[in-house]
Amino acid sequence: MQIAGSLCVVSGASSGIGKATATELARRGAKVLLVARNAERLEQIASEIANAGGRAWAFPADLSKPQEVEALGQAVLEAHGVPQILIHSAGTGAWRFVEETSYQEFIEQMNTPYFAAAFLTRAFLPAMLEANQGFILSVCSPASRQVWPGAAGYIAARWALNGFTEALRADLYETNLKACAFFPGKISDSEYFSRNPDTENRIPRVGRFLPEISSRQAALGIVRAIETEARTMFVPWQLGAFDLLARLFPRITERLAWSSGAKRKTLRVKG
């Protein structure tokens, strides 16, 4: 799919992969609409893109609230028209065992990324279907392909997002719209782990053999996925190789994930 001249909506655009992706799309001639809750941060990024010769506009909204998403959709359609590219990169949530996770945290983790992606897609899909063109990409997590201990709520929400993306692809089968699940490895410059230091300590040791990537490397992968209209994409490629291993030898990779993953401080051994 051609990026130059397209209208792109990017959620989670205030930092990390979302910000890097918005910047890369603008660099390639797209008109980019930045979506996140932090209005001041979005305006700053839009100015940075404009100063570099790109085109970007800020649309602050809480994507977990249907009313705000509906208002956002109407404002975008009225001001800019129908998006051709929709990027879901909003996400949150610390890694915790079930008993460590509060009821509210379960809800918040499902709000973003799953409900945010589902609501934002719902806001634009009727117009995109009428135009009969478009590309919808969800930044998923490897956790939605291979689970590990100590991150139950986080993983469940990522499985919901991946499942939504797969189901959306089935819904769009007889149209010219495409859906892609994009899986990045650990982001070296992500603010996520600095905000959640305990989470980084729960990365299974086996996963630490995979190369880290920067937000820009992830964004370049997303650009490649759009241009090739990929169904799925893994960056780095070693992540895809490990995913294939998990499909072929699920018991082995399951054991590796458990044995090298987080452990409860008081573990009751099965007897």
C-alpha atoms as a PDB file:
ATOM      1  CA  MET A   1       0.000   0.000   0.000  1.00  0.00           C
ATOM      2  CA  GLN A   2       1.244   3.481  -0.813  1.00  0.00           C
ATOM      3  CA  ILE A   3       2.050   5.665   2.180  1.00  0.00           C
ATOM      4  CA  ALA A   4       2.722   8.990   0.431  1.00  0.00           C
ATOM      5  CA  GLY A   5      -0.436  11.091   0.329  1.00  0.00           C
ATOM      6  CA  SER A   6      -2.391   8.749   2.596  1.00  0.00           C
ATOM      7  CA  LEU A   7      -4.256   9.790   5.727  1.00  0.00           C
ATOM      8  CA  CYS A   8      -2.975   7.870   8.771  1.00  0.00           C
ATOM      9  CA  VAL A   9      -4.421   7.677  12.272  1.00  0.00           C
ATOM     10  CA  VAL A  10      -1.887   6.558  14.896  1.00  0.00           C
ATOM     11  CA  SER A  11      -2.961   5.782  18.453  1.00  0.00           C
ATOM     12  CA  GLY A  12      -0.477   5.773  21.316  1.00  0.00           C
ATOM     13  CA  ALA A  13       1.309   8.516  19.387  1.00  0.00           C
ATOM     14  CA  SER A  14       2.613  10.415  22.403  1.00  0.00           C
ATOM     15  CA  SER A  15       5.628   8.125  22.910  1.00  0.00           C
ATOM     16  CA  GLY A  16       7.462   4.959  21.942  1.00  0.00           C
ATOM     17  CA  ILE A  17       6.461   3.000  18.868  1.00  0.00           C
ATOM     18  CA  GLY A  18       3.449   5.232  18.213  1.00  0.00           C
ATOM     19  CA  LYS A  19       5.500   8.409  18.108  1.00  0.00           C
ATOM     20  CA  ALA A  20       8.251   6.801  16.001  1.00  0.00           C
ATOM     21  CA  THR A  21       5.691   5.381  13.568  1.00  0.00           C
ATOM     22  CA  ALA A  22       3.905   8.714  13.176  1.00  0.00           C
ATOM     23  CA  THR A  23       7.244  10.387  12.475  1.00  0.00           C
ATOM     24  CA  GLU A  24       8.247   7.784   9.871  1.00  0.00           C
ATOM     25  CA  LEU A  25       4.886   7.948   8.110  1.00  0.00           C
ATOM     26  CA  ALA A  26       5.049  11.752   7.960  1.00  0.00           C
ATOM     27  CA  ARG A  27       8.600  11.542   6.610  1.00  0.00           C
ATOM     28  CA  ARG A  28       7.244   9.428   3.770  1.00  0.00           C
ATOM     29  CA  GLY A  29       4.597  11.961   2.812  1.00  0.00           C
ATOM     30  CA  ALA A  30       1.596  10.786   4.808  1.00  0.00           C
ATOM     31  CA  LYS A  31      -0.798  13.096   6.615  1.00  0.00           C
ATOM     32  CA  VAL A  32      -0.687  11.874  10.201  1.00  0.00           C
ATOM     33  CA  LEU A  33      -3.320  12.264  12.897  1.00  0.00           C
ATOM     34  CA  LEU A  34      -1.855  11.745  16.367  1.00  0.00           C
ATOM     35  CA  VAL A  35      -4.094  10.174  19.017  1.00  0.00           C
ATOM     36  CA  ALA A  36      -3.383   9.786  22.756  1.00  0.00           C
ATOM     37  CA  ARG A  37      -4.640  11.241  26.022  1.00  0.00           C
ATOM     38  CA  ASN A  38      -1.851  13.774  26.538  1.00  0.00           C
ATOM     39  CA  ALA A  39      -2.885  16.794  24.451  1.00  0.00           C
ATOM     40  CA  GLU A  40       0.199  18.870  25.261  1.00  0.00           C
ATOM     41  CA  ARG A  41       2.530  16.057  24.263  1.00  0.00           C
ATOM     42  CA  LEU A  42       0.651  15.468  21.004  1.00  0.00           C
ATOM     43  CA  GLU A  43       0.852  19.143  20.068  1.00  0.00           C
ATOM     44  CA  GLN A  44       4.597  19.071  20.704  1.00  0.00           C
ATOM     45  CA  ILE A  45       5.075  16.038  18.448  1.00  0.00           C
ATOM     46  CA  ALA A  46       2.876  17.562  15.740  1.00  0.00           C
ATOM     47  CA  SER A  47       5.088  20.680  15.839  1.00  0.00           C
ATOM     48  CA  GLU A  48       8.249  18.557  15.599  1.00  0.00           C
ATOM     49  CA  ILE A  49       6.866  16.775  12.548  1.00  0.00           C
ATOM     50  CA  ALA A  50       5.807  20.069  10.953  1.00  0.00           C
ATOM     51  CA  ASN A  51       9.224  21.608  11.583  1.00  0.00           C
ATOM     52  CA  ALA A  52      10.775  18.638   9.766  1.00  0.00           C
ATOM     53  CA  GLY A  53       8.550  19.263   6.739  1.00  0.00           C
ATOM     54  CA  GLY A  54       5.791  16.789   7.548  1.00  0.00           C
ATOM     55  CA  ARG A  55       2.076  17.159   8.199  1.00  0.00           C
ATOM     56  CA  ALA A  56       0.538  16.141  11.511  1.00  0.00           C
ATOM     57  CA  TRP A  57      -2.432  17.072  13.681  1.00  0.00           C
ATOM     58  CA  ALA A  58      -3.189  16.294  17.325  1.00  0.00           C
ATOM     59  CA  PHE A  59      -6.461  14.631  18.315  1.00  0.00           C
ATOM     60  CA  PRO A  60      -6.357  13.988  22.080  1.00  0.00           C
ATOM     61  CA  ALA A  61      -8.823  11.395  23.351  1.00  0.00           C
ATOM     62  CA  ASP A  62      -9.215   8.643  25.928  1.00  0.00           C
ATOM     63  CA  LEU A  63      -9.764   5.623  23.694  1.00  0.00           C
ATOM     64  CA  SER A  64     -11.251   3.564  26.524  1.00  0.00           C
ATOM     65  CA  LYS A  65     -14.320   5.843  26.468  1.00  0.00           C
ATOM     66  CA  PRO A  66     -16.729   5.177  23.565  1.00  0.00           C
ATOM     67  CA  GLN A  67     -18.154   8.713  23.643  1.00  0.00           C
ATOM     68  CA  GLU A  68     -14.717  10.260  23.169  1.00  0.00           C
ATOM     69  CA  VAL A  69     -13.848   7.809  20.410  1.00  0.00           C
ATOM     70  CA  GLU A  70     -17.100   8.547  18.593  1.00  0.00           C
ATOM     71  CA  ALA A  71     -16.465  12.292  18.841  1.00  0.00           C
ATOM     72  CA  LEU A  72     -12.909  11.767  17.621  1.00  0.00           C
ATOM     73  CA  GLY A  73     -14.119   9.782  14.619  1.00  0.00           C
ATOM     74  CA  GLN A  74     -16.634  12.436  13.629  1.00  0.00           C
ATOM     75  CA  ALA A  75     -14.076  15.230  14.015  1.00  0.00           C
ATOM     76  CA  VAL A  76     -11.524  13.411  11.856  1.00  0.00           C
ATOM     77  CA  LEU A  77     -14.021  12.536   9.113  1.00  0.00           C
ATOM     78  CA  GLU A  78     -15.302  16.104   8.978  1.00  0.00           C
ATOM     79  CA  ALA A  79     -11.886  17.770   9.018  1.00  0.00           C
ATOM     80  CA  HIS A  80      -9.720  15.339   7.058  1.00  0.00           C
ATOM     81  CA  GLY A  81     -11.865  12.656   5.453  1.00  0.00           C
ATOM     82  CA  VAL A  82     -11.559   8.868   5.553  1.00  0.00           C
ATOM     83  CA  PRO A  83      -8.281   7.386   6.844  1.00  0.00           C
ATOM     84  CA  GLN A  84      -6.468   4.908   4.630  1.00  0.00           C
ATOM     85  CA  ILE A  85      -4.159   3.636   7.383  1.00  0.00           C
ATOM     86  CA  LEU A  86      -5.050   2.954  11.013  1.00  0.00           C
ATOM     87  CA  ILE A  87      -2.315   2.069  13.513  1.00  0.00           C
ATOM     88  CA  HIS A  88      -3.171   0.737  16.972  1.00  0.00           C
ATOM     89  CA  SER A  89      -0.164   1.188  19.257  1.00  0.00           C
ATOM     90  CA  ALA A  90      -1.763   2.264  22.540  1.00  0.00           C
ATOM     91  CA  GLY A  91      -0.993  -0.033  25.459  1.00  0.00           C
ATOM     92  CA  THR A  92      -0.355  -0.138  29.175  1.00  0.00           C
ATOM     93  CA  GLY A  93      -0.142  -2.473  32.138  1.00  0.00           C
ATOM     94  CA  ALA A  94       2.470  -3.899  34.502  1.00  0.00           C
ATOM     95  CA  TRP A  95       3.338  -7.589  34.652  1.00  0.00           C
ATOM     96  CA  ARG A  96       1.903  -9.290  37.731  1.00  0.00           C
ATOM     97  CA  PHE A  97       0.614 -12.660  38.876  1.00  0.00           C
ATOM     98  CA  VAL A  98      -3.190 -12.883  39.089  1.00  0.00           C
ATOM     99  CA  GLU A  99      -3.282 -12.502  42.869  1.00  0.00           C
ATOM    100  CA  GLU A 100      -1.055  -9.410  42.635  1.00  0.00           C
ATOM    101  CA  THR A 101      -3.386  -7.675  40.163  1.00  0.00           C
ATOM    102  CA  SER A 102      -6.224  -5.484  41.408  1.00  0.00           C
ATOM    103  CA  TYR A 103      -9.682  -5.598  39.866  1.00  0.00           C
ATOM    104  CA  GLN A 104      -9.161  -2.095  38.489  1.00  0.00           C
ATOM    105  CA  GLU A 105      -5.841  -3.077  36.926  1.00  0.00           C
ATOM    106  CA  PHE A 106      -7.524  -5.936  35.055  1.00  0.00           C
ATOM    107  CA  ILE A 107     -10.004  -3.423  33.629  1.00  0.00           C
ATOM    108  CA  GLU A 108      -7.325  -0.862  32.732  1.00  0.00           C
ATOM    109  CA  GLN A 109      -5.177  -3.461  30.992  1.00  0.00           C
ATOM    110  CA  MET A 110      -8.130  -4.544  28.860  1.00  0.00           C
ATOM    111  CA  ASN A 111      -9.031  -0.908  28.103  1.00  0.00           C
ATOM    112  CA  THR A 112      -5.681  -0.434  26.404  1.00  0.00           C
ATOM    113  CA  PRO A 113      -4.850  -2.065  24.119  1.00  0.00           C
ATOM    114  CA  TYR A 114      -7.998  -4.111  23.391  1.00  0.00           C
ATOM    115  CA  PHE A 115     -10.952  -1.754  23.841  1.00  0.00           C
ATOM    116  CA  ALA A 116      -8.915   1.165  22.480  1.00  0.00           C
ATOM    117  CA  ALA A 117      -8.265  -0.735  19.241  1.00  0.00           C
ATOM    118  CA  ALA A 118     -11.801  -2.123  18.968  1.00  0.00           C
ATOM    119  CA  PHE A 119     -13.447   1.256  19.594  1.00  0.00           C
ATOM    120  CA  LEU A 120     -11.156   3.182  17.253  1.00  0.00           C
ATOM    121  CA  THR A 121     -11.664   0.621  14.486  1.00  0.00           C
ATOM    122  CA  ARG A 122     -15.434   0.798  14.989  1.00  0.00           C
ATOM    123  CA  ALA A 123     -15.354   4.589  14.672  1.00  0.00           C
ATOM    124  CA  PHE A 124     -13.716   4.517  11.227  1.00  0.00           C
ATOM    125  CA  LEU A 125     -14.619   1.161   9.726  1.00  0.00           C
ATOM    126  CA  PRO A 126     -17.986   2.096   8.153  1.00  0.00           C
ATOM    127  CA  ALA A 127     -16.368   4.942   6.188  1.00  0.00           C
ATOM    128  CA  MET A 128     -13.361   2.795   5.295  1.00  0.00           C
ATOM    129  CA  LEU A 129     -15.651   0.017   4.071  1.00  0.00           C
ATOM    130  CA  GLU A 130     -17.561   2.492   1.931  1.00  0.00           C
ATOM    131  CA  ALA A 131     -14.275   3.667   0.415  1.00  0.00           C
ATOM    132  CA  ASN A 132     -13.293  -0.024   0.109  1.00  0.00           C
ATOM    133  CA  GLN A 133      -9.631   0.556   0.867  1.00  0.00           C
ATOM    134  CA  GLY A 134      -7.414   0.676   3.907  1.00  0.00           C
ATOM    135  CA  PHE A 135      -4.851  -0.995   6.113  1.00  0.00           C
ATOM    136  CA  ILE A 136      -5.355  -1.601   9.831  1.00  0.00           C
ATOM    137  CA  LEU A 137      -2.316  -2.605  11.877  1.00  0.00           C
ATOM    138  CA  SER A 138      -2.243  -3.612  15.536  1.00  0.00           C
ATOM    139  CA  VAL A 139       1.000  -3.484  17.493  1.00  0.00           C
ATOM    140  CA  CYS A 140       0.626  -6.766  19.337  1.00  0.00           C
ATOM    141  CA  SER A 141       2.882  -8.459  21.861  1.00  0.00           C
ATOM    142  CA  PRO A 142       4.796 -11.729  21.586  1.00  0.00           C
ATOM    143  CA  ALA A 143       2.887 -12.536  24.793  1.00  0.00           C
ATOM    144  CA  SER A 144      -0.189 -13.112  22.623  1.00  0.00           C
ATOM    145  CA  ARG A 145       1.654 -15.956  20.894  1.00  0.00           C
ATOM    146  CA  GLN A 146       3.684 -17.507  23.725  1.00  0.00           C
ATOM    147  CA  VAL A 147       2.779 -16.935  27.363  1.00  0.00           C
ATOM    148  CA  TRP A 148       5.063 -16.724  30.378  1.00  0.00           C
ATOM    149  CA  PRO A 149       4.411 -16.552  34.142  1.00  0.00           C
ATOM    150  CA  GLY A 150       3.859 -13.427  36.186  1.00  0.00           C
ATOM    151  CA  ALA A 151       1.953 -11.287  33.669  1.00  0.00           C
ATOM    152  CA  ALA A 152      -1.563 -12.710  33.507  1.00  0.00           C
ATOM    153  CA  GLY A 153      -3.640  -9.542  33.041  1.00  0.00           C
ATOM    154  CA  TYR A 154      -1.162  -8.037  30.576  1.00  0.00           C
ATOM    155  CA  ILE A 155      -1.021 -11.223  28.515  1.00  0.00           C
ATOM    156  CA  ALA A 156      -4.806 -11.672  28.476  1.00  0.00           C
ATOM    157  CA  ALA A 157      -5.284  -8.147  27.117  1.00  0.00           C
ATOM    158  CA  ARG A 158      -2.697  -8.768  24.384  1.00  0.00           C
ATOM    159  CA  TRP A 159      -4.401 -12.015  23.412  1.00  0.00           C
ATOM    160  CA  ALA A 160      -7.632 -10.051  23.110  1.00  0.00           C
ATOM    161  CA  LEU A 161      -5.956  -7.542  20.762  1.00  0.00           C
ATOM    162  CA  ASN A 162      -4.385 -10.263  18.631  1.00  0.00           C
ATOM    163  CA  GLY A 163      -7.685 -12.140  18.532  1.00  0.00           C
ATOM    164  CA  PHE A 164      -9.510  -8.976  17.495  1.00  0.00           C
ATOM    165  CA  THR A 165      -7.004  -8.422  14.680  1.00  0.00           C
ATOM    166  CA  GLU A 166      -7.413 -11.984  13.405  1.00  0.00           C
ATOM    167  CA  ALA A 167     -11.206 -11.742  13.618  1.00  0.00           C
ATOM    168  CA  LEU A 168     -11.144  -8.379  11.861  1.00  0.00           C
ATOM    169  CA  ARG A 169      -9.152  -9.917   9.012  1.00  0.00           C
ATOM    170  CA  ALA A 170     -11.880 -12.544   8.639  1.00  0.00           C
ATOM    171  CA  ASP A 171     -14.552  -9.821   8.616  1.00  0.00           C
ATOM    172  CA  LEU A 172     -12.676  -7.982   5.866  1.00  0.00           C
ATOM    173  CA  TYR A 173     -11.985 -11.042   3.711  1.00  0.00           C
ATOM    174  CA  GLU A 174     -14.175  -9.999   0.761  1.00  0.00           C
ATOM    175  CA  THR A 175     -13.099  -6.347   0.830  1.00  0.00           C
ATOM    176  CA  ASN A 176      -9.997  -4.410  -0.180  1.00  0.00           C
ATOM    177  CA  LEU A 177      -9.192  -3.642   3.456  1.00  0.00           C
ATOM    178  CA  LYS A 178      -6.328  -5.511   5.142  1.00  0.00           C
ATOM    179  CA  ALA A 179      -5.522  -6.255   8.785  1.00  0.00           C
ATOM    180  CA  CYS A 180      -2.040  -6.898  10.151  1.00  0.00           C
ATOM    181  CA  ALA A 181      -0.711  -8.119  13.491  1.00  0.00           C
ATOM    182  CA  PHE A 182       2.729  -6.633  14.140  1.00  0.00           C
ATOM    183  CA  PHE A 183       4.965  -8.170  16.809  1.00  0.00           C
ATOM    184  CA  PRO A 184       7.988  -6.182  18.033  1.00  0.00           C
ATOM    185  CA  GLY A 185      10.696  -7.444  20.338  1.00  0.00           C
ATOM    186  CA  LYS A 186      11.804  -5.603  23.470  1.00  0.00           C
ATOM    187  CA  ILE A 187      12.119  -1.885  22.739  1.00  0.00           C
ATOM    188  CA  SER A 188      15.457  -0.564  23.994  1.00  0.00           C
ATOM    189  CA  ASP A 189      14.353   3.062  24.308  1.00  0.00           C
ATOM    190  CA  SER A 190      10.850   2.431  25.592  1.00  0.00           C
ATOM    191  CA  GLU A 191       9.530   4.444  28.518  1.00  0.00           C
ATOM    192  CA  TYR A 192       7.435   1.437  29.482  1.00  0.00           C
ATOM    193  CA  PHE A 193      10.167  -0.391  31.360  1.00  0.00           C
ATOM    194  CA  SER A 194      11.443   2.772  33.058  1.00  0.00           C
ATOM    195  CA  ARG A 195       7.903   3.344  34.363  1.00  0.00           C
ATOM    196  CA  ASN A 196       7.571  -0.326  35.362  1.00  0.00           C
ATOM    197  CA  PRO A 197      11.024  -1.427  36.586  1.00  0.00           C
ATOM    198  CA  ASP A 198       9.690  -4.597  38.229  1.00  0.00           C
ATOM    199  CA  THR A 199       8.283  -5.666  34.883  1.00  0.00           C
ATOM    200  CA  GLU A 200      11.676  -5.801  33.212  1.00  0.00           C
ATOM    201  CA  ASN A 201      12.868  -8.182  35.921  1.00  0.00           C
ATOM    202  CA  ARG A 202      10.095 -10.575  34.902  1.00  0.00           C
ATOM    203  CA  ILE A 203      11.200 -11.018  31.307  1.00  0.00           C
ATOM    204  CA  PRO A 204      11.954 -14.742  30.910  1.00  0.00           C
ATOM    205  CA  ARG A 205      15.699 -15.258  30.648  1.00  0.00           C
ATOM    206  CA  VAL A 206      15.256 -17.179  27.404  1.00  0.00           C
ATOM    207  CA  GLY A 207      13.760 -14.035  25.862  1.00  0.00           C
ATOM    208  CA  ARG A 208      16.870 -12.046  26.687  1.00  0.00           C
ATOM    209  CA  PHE A 209      18.737 -13.905  23.949  1.00  0.00           C
ATOM    210  CA  LEU A 210      16.625 -12.057  21.382  1.00  0.00           C
ATOM    211  CA  PRO A 211      18.105  -8.750  20.120  1.00  0.00           C
ATOM    212  CA  GLU A 212      16.525  -5.568  21.410  1.00  0.00           C
ATOM    213  CA  ILE A 213      15.256  -3.042  18.865  1.00  0.00           C
ATOM    214  CA  SER A 214      14.673   0.707  19.001  1.00  0.00           C
ATOM    215  CA  SER A 215      11.318   2.407  18.550  1.00  0.00           C
ATOM    216  CA  ARG A 216      12.493   3.572  15.120  1.00  0.00           C
ATOM    217  CA  GLN A 217      13.399   0.024  14.089  1.00  0.00           C
ATOM    218  CA  ALA A 218       9.901  -1.048  15.087  1.00  0.00           C
ATOM    219  CA  ALA A 219       8.458   1.874  13.104  1.00  0.00           C
ATOM    220  CA  LEU A 220      10.479   0.877  10.043  1.00  0.00           C
ATOM    221  CA  GLY A 221       9.033  -2.616  10.387  1.00  0.00           C
ATOM    222  CA  ILE A 222       5.531  -1.147  10.498  1.00  0.00           C
ATOM    223  CA  VAL A 223       6.290   0.867   7.362  1.00  0.00           C
ATOM    224  CA  ARG A 224       7.432  -2.341   5.654  1.00  0.00           C
ATOM    225  CA  ALA A 225       4.273  -4.143   6.791  1.00  0.00           C
ATOM    226  CA  ILE A 226       2.101  -1.393   5.301  1.00  0.00           C
ATOM    227  CA  GLU A 227       3.992  -1.284   2.009  1.00  0.00           C
ATOM    228  CA  THR A 228       3.844  -5.067   1.579  1.00  0.00           C
ATOM    229  CA  GLU A 229       0.337  -5.408   3.056  1.00  0.00           C
ATOM    230  CA  ALA A 230       1.611  -8.091   5.408  1.00  0.00           C
ATOM    231  CA  ARG A 231      -0.757 -10.255   7.462  1.00  0.00           C
ATOM    232  CA  THR A 232       1.777 -10.640  10.285  1.00  0.00           C
ATOM    233  CA  MET A 233       5.286  -9.335  10.868  1.00  0.00           C
ATOM    234  CA  PHE A 234       7.928  -9.958  13.525  1.00  0.00           C
ATOM    235  CA  VAL A 235      10.790  -7.547  14.249  1.00  0.00           C
ATOM    236  CA  PRO A 236      13.527  -8.640  14.771  1.00  0.00           C
ATOM    237  CA  TRP A 237      13.436 -11.749  12.578  1.00  0.00           C
ATOM    238  CA  GLN A 238      14.757 -13.875  15.458  1.00  0.00           C
ATOM    239  CA  LEU A 239      11.447 -13.272  17.236  1.00  0.00           C
ATOM    240  CA  GLY A 240       9.647 -14.814  14.279  1.00  0.00           C
ATOM    241  CA  ALA A 241      12.006 -17.790  14.369  1.00  0.00           C
ATOM    242  CA  PHE A 242      11.249 -18.330  18.070  1.00  0.00           C
ATOM    243  CA  ASP A 243       7.530 -18.046  17.336  1.00  0.00           C
ATOM    244  CA  LEU A 244       7.863 -20.768  14.690  1.00  0.00           C
ATOM    245  CA  LEU A 245       9.709 -22.926  17.214  1.00  0.00           C
ATOM    246  CA  ALA A 246       6.818 -22.430  19.639  1.00  0.00           C
ATOM    247  CA  ARG A 247       4.333 -23.568  16.987  1.00  0.00           C
ATOM    248  CA  LEU A 248       6.361 -26.678  16.155  1.00  0.00           C
ATOM    249  CA  PHE A 249       7.438 -27.615  19.690  1.00  0.00           C
ATOM    250  CA  PRO A 250       4.898 -26.075  22.107  1.00  0.00           C
ATOM    251  CA  ARG A 251       5.816 -28.216  25.113  1.00  0.00           C
ATOM    252  CA  ILE A 252       9.517 -27.329  24.849  1.00  0.00           C
ATOM    253  CA  THR A 253       8.968 -23.574  24.530  1.00  0.00           C
ATOM    254  CA  GLU A 254       6.350 -23.653  27.267  1.00  0.00           C
ATOM    255  CA  ARG A 255       8.857 -25.299  29.583  1.00  0.00           C
ATOM    256  CA  LEU A 256      11.561 -22.796  28.614  1.00  0.00           C
ATOM    257  CA  ALA A 257       9.224 -19.861  29.284  1.00  0.00           C
ATOM    258  CA  TRP A 258       8.228 -21.228  32.682  1.00  0.00           C
ATOM    259  CA  SER A 259      11.668 -22.354  33.863  1.00  0.00           C
ATOM    260  CA  SER A 260      13.303 -19.035  32.927  1.00  0.00           C
ATOM    261  CA  GLY A 261      10.383 -16.795  33.875  1.00  0.00           C
ATOM    262  CA  ALA A 262       9.228 -15.082  37.070  1.00  0.00           C
ATOM    263  CA  LYS A 263       8.608 -17.156  40.181  1.00  0.00           C
ATOM    264  CA  ARG A 264       6.432 -16.467  43.175  1.00  0.00           C
ATOM    265  CA  LYS A 265       8.338 -15.755  46.340  1.00  0.00           C
ATOM    266  CA  THR A 266       6.516 -18.639  48.020  1.00  0.00           C
ATOM    267  CA  LEU A 267       5.992 -21.362  45.457  1.00  0.00           C
ATOM    268  CA  ARG A 268       3.931 -24.452  46.222  1.00  0.00           C
ATOM    269  CA  VAL A 269       5.367 -27.343  44.264  1.00  0.00           C
ATOM    270  CA  LYS A 270       2.855 -29.664  42.666  1.00  0.00           C
ATOM    271  CA  GLY A 271       2.760 -32.942  44.546  1.00  0.00           C
END
